[in-house]
Each structure stands twice: as C-alpha cells, then as structure tokens.
C-alpha cells in the first residue's frame, strides 16, 4: 500500500477516535448532570411555576445567534435565562458546559431534566418543556 493510503488510513482512524471520544464525553456529561442531586439552577422556582430554559451562550458563538436564539424565540411565553458561559463559569461547570450553545430544561422543582449540548431545535425543546410540565404536576393524594 502506498504512503498516501497509509496516511489517509491513519487520519481516518484519528478522526473516528476523536468523534468517539466527543460522543462519550457528551454522554457522560449528560449522565452526570441529570443524575446529580444538585441539578438545581441558580434559583429554585416557586411551586406551581412553569419549567424554564437555561441558555448557555457566549459572545463569539455564531450558532447561538443564527440558530439557537431563533429557536428559543419560537417557544413563545417560556422563561429563558440567558447565561454567558465565560462570565458565569461556575454555573457552566456545574452543567458540564463545554459546547455552545447548551440548553438546560429546568423542571418546576428546580431539577435539570434535559441537557442539550449544541443546537436544540424548537420542537425538541417544546417536547422537553412539555415533559417537564408533566413531571411538575402534583400527584393525586391517596385516601
């Protein structure tokens, strides 16, 4: 096999390994955030308050401005807390934010239910907010 084919094979293996590592890192980050008992946001909503979205962004995030912000605008009357991931590094670290944009759907009880690393479409966020609303409904008391 020629040297060029070997170089191409090595480059392909490196790309595949990097992609696998990124997938594993995102999966692990989601598990850590969703499993943590300290998944509450900066402030815990009052009982009965609707779920909301923490939106991690940055000044140089093009995808945030061109894709994520229009998707968030389509959600309608939903509270969106915009967080500069550089300025509020401690909060970003708490949710393992290494990719911008990142959105976190917070349930009415203050728990992080969904973490989306990278762009999240409006329909996806609407489904997650609906799930958070169902999770926040009080359970019927038994007699």
C-alpha atoms as a PDB file:
ATOM      1  CA  UNK A   1       0.000   0.000   0.000  1.00  0.00           C
ATOM      2  CA  UNK A   2       1.325   3.453  -0.816  1.00  0.00           C
ATOM      3  CA  UNK A   3       2.352   6.035   1.769  1.00  0.00           C
ATOM      4  CA  UNK A   4      -0.587   8.252   0.831  1.00  0.00           C
ATOM      5  CA  UNK A   5      -3.103   5.486   1.564  1.00  0.00           C
ATOM      6  CA  UNK A   6      -1.427   4.786   4.905  1.00  0.00           C
ATOM      7  CA  UNK A   7      -1.592   8.483   5.803  1.00  0.00           C
ATOM      8  CA  UNK A   8      -5.255   8.593   4.813  1.00  0.00           C
ATOM      9  CA  UNK A   9      -5.997   5.492   6.907  1.00  0.00           C
ATOM     10  CA  UNK A  10      -4.227   6.959   9.946  1.00  0.00           C
ATOM     11  CA  UNK A  11      -6.015  10.296   9.554  1.00  0.00           C
ATOM     12  CA  UNK A  12      -9.362   8.486   9.300  1.00  0.00           C
ATOM     13  CA  UNK A  13      -8.619   6.479  12.446  1.00  0.00           C
ATOM     14  CA  UNK A  14      -7.717   9.659  14.337  1.00  0.00           C
ATOM     15  CA  UNK A  15     -10.942  11.365  13.229  1.00  0.00           C
ATOM     16  CA  UNK A  16     -13.023   8.343  14.261  1.00  0.00           C
ATOM     17  CA  UNK A  17     -11.299   8.173  17.641  1.00  0.00           C
ATOM     18  CA  UNK A  18     -11.878  11.899  18.244  1.00  0.00           C
ATOM     19  CA  UNK A  19     -15.557  11.586  17.283  1.00  0.00           C
ATOM     20  CA  UNK A  20     -15.975   8.609  19.602  1.00  0.00           C
ATOM     21  CA  UNK A  21     -14.328  10.499  22.445  1.00  0.00           C
ATOM     22  CA  UNK A  22     -16.622  13.509  21.911  1.00  0.00           C
ATOM     23  CA  UNK A  23     -19.713  11.274  21.878  1.00  0.00           C
ATOM     24  CA  UNK A  24     -18.570   9.586  25.086  1.00  0.00           C
ATOM     25  CA  UNK A  25     -17.826  12.958  26.735  1.00  0.00           C
ATOM     26  CA  UNK A  26     -21.272  14.320  25.845  1.00  0.00           C
ATOM     27  CA  UNK A  27     -22.992  11.135  27.062  1.00  0.00           C
ATOM     28  CA  UNK A  28     -21.048  11.188  30.331  1.00  0.00           C
ATOM     29  CA  UNK A  29     -21.761  14.881  30.872  1.00  0.00           C
ATOM     30  CA  UNK A  30     -25.489  14.360  30.395  1.00  0.00           C
ATOM     31  CA  UNK A  31     -25.484  11.467  32.864  1.00  0.00           C
ATOM     32  CA  UNK A  32     -23.552  13.467  35.454  1.00  0.00           C
ATOM     33  CA  UNK A  33     -25.850  16.475  35.203  1.00  0.00           C
ATOM     34  CA  UNK A  34     -29.098  14.539  35.154  1.00  0.00           C
ATOM     35  CA  UNK A  35     -28.024  12.191  37.941  1.00  0.00           C
ATOM     36  CA  UNK A  36     -26.702  14.876  40.241  1.00  0.00           C
ATOM     37  CA  UNK A  37     -28.864  15.858  43.133  1.00  0.00           C
ATOM     38  CA  UNK A  38     -27.519  19.393  42.835  1.00  0.00           C
ATOM     39  CA  UNK A  39     -29.006  19.885  39.379  1.00  0.00           C
ATOM     40  CA  UNK A  40     -30.966  22.908  40.509  1.00  0.00           C
ATOM     41  CA  UNK A  41     -30.391  26.150  38.702  1.00  0.00           C
ATOM     42  CA  UNK A  42     -29.362  29.453  40.267  1.00  0.00           C
ATOM     43  CA  UNK A  43     -32.704  29.820  41.944  1.00  0.00           C
ATOM     44  CA  UNK A  44     -35.395  27.267  42.651  1.00  0.00           C
ATOM     45  CA  UNK A  45     -38.768  28.228  41.180  1.00  0.00           C
ATOM     46  CA  UNK A  46     -41.766  28.728  43.416  1.00  0.00           C
ATOM     47  CA  UNK A  47     -44.143  25.745  43.463  1.00  0.00           C
ATOM     48  CA  UNK A  48     -46.517  25.885  40.544  1.00  0.00           C
ATOM     49  CA  UNK A  49     -44.123  27.922  38.378  1.00  0.00           C
ATOM     50  CA  UNK A  50     -43.588  26.677  34.865  1.00  0.00           C
ATOM     51  CA  UNK A  51     -40.386  24.970  33.763  1.00  0.00           C
ATOM     52  CA  UNK A  52     -37.823  27.161  32.081  1.00  0.00           C
ATOM     53  CA  UNK A  53     -34.677  27.033  29.978  1.00  0.00           C
ATOM     54  CA  UNK A  54     -31.126  27.919  30.959  1.00  0.00           C
ATOM     55  CA  UNK A  55     -29.430  29.027  27.760  1.00  0.00           C
ATOM     56  CA  UNK A  56     -25.628  28.992  27.846  1.00  0.00           C
ATOM     57  CA  UNK A  57     -24.051  31.192  25.191  1.00  0.00           C
ATOM     58  CA  UNK A  58     -21.028  33.377  24.529  1.00  0.00           C
ATOM     59  CA  UNK A  59     -20.070  36.492  22.587  1.00  0.00           C
ATOM     60  CA  UNK A  60     -18.296  34.564  19.834  1.00  0.00           C
ATOM     61  CA  UNK A  61     -20.945  31.843  19.398  1.00  0.00           C
ATOM     62  CA  UNK A  62     -22.252  32.158  15.843  1.00  0.00           C
ATOM     63  CA  UNK A  63     -24.569  29.140  16.083  1.00  0.00           C
ATOM     64  CA  UNK A  64     -26.139  30.737  19.159  1.00  0.00           C
ATOM     65  CA  UNK A  65     -27.094  33.858  17.224  1.00  0.00           C
ATOM     66  CA  UNK A  66     -28.054  32.252  13.914  1.00  0.00           C
ATOM     67  CA  UNK A  67     -29.837  29.098  15.088  1.00  0.00           C
ATOM     68  CA  UNK A  68     -30.394  28.741  18.839  1.00  0.00           C
ATOM     69  CA  UNK A  69     -31.808  32.197  19.583  1.00  0.00           C
ATOM     70  CA  UNK A  70     -34.415  31.989  16.764  1.00  0.00           C
ATOM     71  CA  UNK A  71     -35.403  28.522  18.033  1.00  0.00           C
ATOM     72  CA  UNK A  72     -35.793  29.868  21.569  1.00  0.00           C
ATOM     73  CA  UNK A  73     -37.865  32.784  20.260  1.00  0.00           C
ATOM     74  CA  UNK A  74     -40.319  30.283  18.721  1.00  0.00           C
ATOM     75  CA  UNK A  75     -41.055  28.783  22.142  1.00  0.00           C
ATOM     76  CA  UNK A  76     -43.462  31.600  22.965  1.00  0.00           C
ATOM     77  CA  UNK A  77     -44.138  32.503  26.585  1.00  0.00           C
ATOM     78  CA  UNK A  78     -41.350  30.469  28.209  1.00  0.00           C
ATOM     79  CA  UNK A  79     -38.866  31.851  30.705  1.00  0.00           C
ATOM     80  CA  UNK A  80     -35.355  31.723  29.250  1.00  0.00           C
ATOM     81  CA  UNK A  81     -32.384  32.585  31.463  1.00  0.00           C
ATOM     82  CA  UNK A  82     -29.513  33.580  29.186  1.00  0.00           C
ATOM     83  CA  UNK A  83     -26.152  32.733  30.753  1.00  0.00           C
ATOM     84  CA  UNK A  84     -22.767  33.865  29.463  1.00  0.00           C
ATOM     85  CA  UNK A  85     -20.744  30.668  29.898  1.00  0.00           C
ATOM     86  CA  UNK A  86     -17.471  32.582  30.201  1.00  0.00           C
ATOM     87  CA  UNK A  87     -18.647  35.125  32.760  1.00  0.00           C
ATOM     88  CA  UNK A  88     -20.584  32.567  34.836  1.00  0.00           C
ATOM     89  CA  UNK A  89     -18.008  29.774  34.613  1.00  0.00           C
ATOM     90  CA  UNK A  90     -19.018  28.170  37.928  1.00  0.00           C
ATOM     91  CA  UNK A  91     -22.606  27.659  36.758  1.00  0.00           C
ATOM     92  CA  UNK A  92     -21.407  26.437  33.363  1.00  0.00           C
ATOM     93  CA  UNK A  93     -19.085  23.947  35.070  1.00  0.00           C
ATOM     94  CA  UNK A  94     -21.973  22.678  37.176  1.00  0.00           C
ATOM     95  CA  UNK A  95     -23.766  21.664  33.977  1.00  0.00           C
ATOM     96  CA  UNK A  96     -20.559  20.480  32.231  1.00  0.00           C
ATOM     97  CA  UNK A  97     -20.924  23.108  29.509  1.00  0.00           C
ATOM     98  CA  UNK A  98     -18.029  22.717  27.082  1.00  0.00           C
ATOM     99  CA  UNK A  99     -20.052  23.320  23.911  1.00  0.00           C
ATOM    100  CA  UNK A 100     -22.021  26.406  22.931  1.00  0.00           C
ATOM    101  CA  UNK A 101     -24.911  26.668  22.700  1.00  0.00           C
ATOM    102  CA  UNK A 102     -26.080  24.473  25.544  1.00  0.00           C
ATOM    103  CA  UNK A 103     -29.658  24.488  26.797  1.00  0.00           C
ATOM    104  CA  UNK A 104     -30.893  23.003  30.057  1.00  0.00           C
ATOM    105  CA  UNK A 105     -34.600  22.425  30.727  1.00  0.00           C
ATOM    106  CA  UNK A 106     -35.310  23.018  34.406  1.00  0.00           C
ATOM    107  CA  UNK A 107     -38.423  21.471  35.984  1.00  0.00           C
ATOM    108  CA  UNK A 108     -40.685  23.461  38.328  1.00  0.00           C
ATOM    109  CA  UNK A 109     -38.976  21.786  41.309  1.00  0.00           C
ATOM    110  CA  UNK A 110     -35.587  23.138  40.175  1.00  0.00           C
ATOM    111  CA  UNK A 111     -34.146  19.882  38.833  1.00  0.00           C
ATOM    112  CA  UNK A 112     -32.390  19.730  35.464  1.00  0.00           C
ATOM    113  CA  UNK A 113     -34.401  17.318  33.331  1.00  0.00           C
ATOM    114  CA  UNK A 114     -32.749  17.728  29.932  1.00  0.00           C
ATOM    115  CA  UNK A 115     -29.325  18.962  28.854  1.00  0.00           C
ATOM    116  CA  UNK A 116     -28.773  19.695  25.165  1.00  0.00           C
ATOM    117  CA  UNK A 117     -25.130  20.156  24.174  1.00  0.00           C
ATOM    118  CA  UNK A 118     -25.092  22.033  20.875  1.00  0.00           C
ATOM    119  CA  UNK A 119     -28.058  23.342  18.916  1.00  0.00           C
ATOM    120  CA  UNK A 120     -31.503  22.197  20.102  1.00  0.00           C
ATOM    121  CA  UNK A 121     -34.451  22.773  17.773  1.00  0.00           C
ATOM    122  CA  UNK A 122     -37.684  24.436  18.907  1.00  0.00           C
ATOM    123  CA  UNK A 123     -39.728  21.201  18.558  1.00  0.00           C
ATOM    124  CA  UNK A 124     -37.188  19.314  20.680  1.00  0.00           C
ATOM    125  CA  UNK A 125     -37.268  21.994  23.393  1.00  0.00           C
ATOM    126  CA  UNK A 126     -41.086  22.084  23.280  1.00  0.00           C
ATOM    127  CA  UNK A 127     -41.204  18.306  23.862  1.00  0.00           C
ATOM    128  CA  UNK A 128     -38.766  18.620  26.752  1.00  0.00           C
ATOM    129  CA  UNK A 129     -40.723  21.504  28.321  1.00  0.00           C
ATOM    130  CA  UNK A 130     -43.962  19.511  27.991  1.00  0.00           C
ATOM    131  CA  UNK A 131     -42.286  16.588  29.761  1.00  0.00           C
ATOM    132  CA  UNK A 132     -41.062  18.950  32.481  1.00  0.00           C
ATOM    133  CA  UNK A 133     -44.591  20.318  32.927  1.00  0.00           C
ATOM    134  CA  UNK A 134     -45.939  16.772  33.318  1.00  0.00           C
ATOM    135  CA  UNK A 135     -43.177  15.979  35.811  1.00  0.00           C
ATOM    136  CA  UNK A 136     -44.122  19.065  37.839  1.00  0.00           C
ATOM    137  CA  UNK A 137     -47.779  18.158  38.219  1.00  0.00           C
ATOM    138  CA  UNK A 138     -48.732  17.245  41.772  1.00  0.00           C
ATOM    139  CA  UNK A 139     -49.578  13.609  42.292  1.00  0.00           C
ATOM    140  CA  UNK A 140     -53.057  12.725  43.498  1.00  0.00           C
ATOM    141  CA  UNK A 141     -53.191  12.091  47.238  1.00  0.00           C
ATOM    142  CA  UNK A 142     -54.420   8.700  48.315  1.00  0.00           C
ATOM    143  CA  UNK A 143     -57.081   8.478  50.972  1.00  0.00           C
END
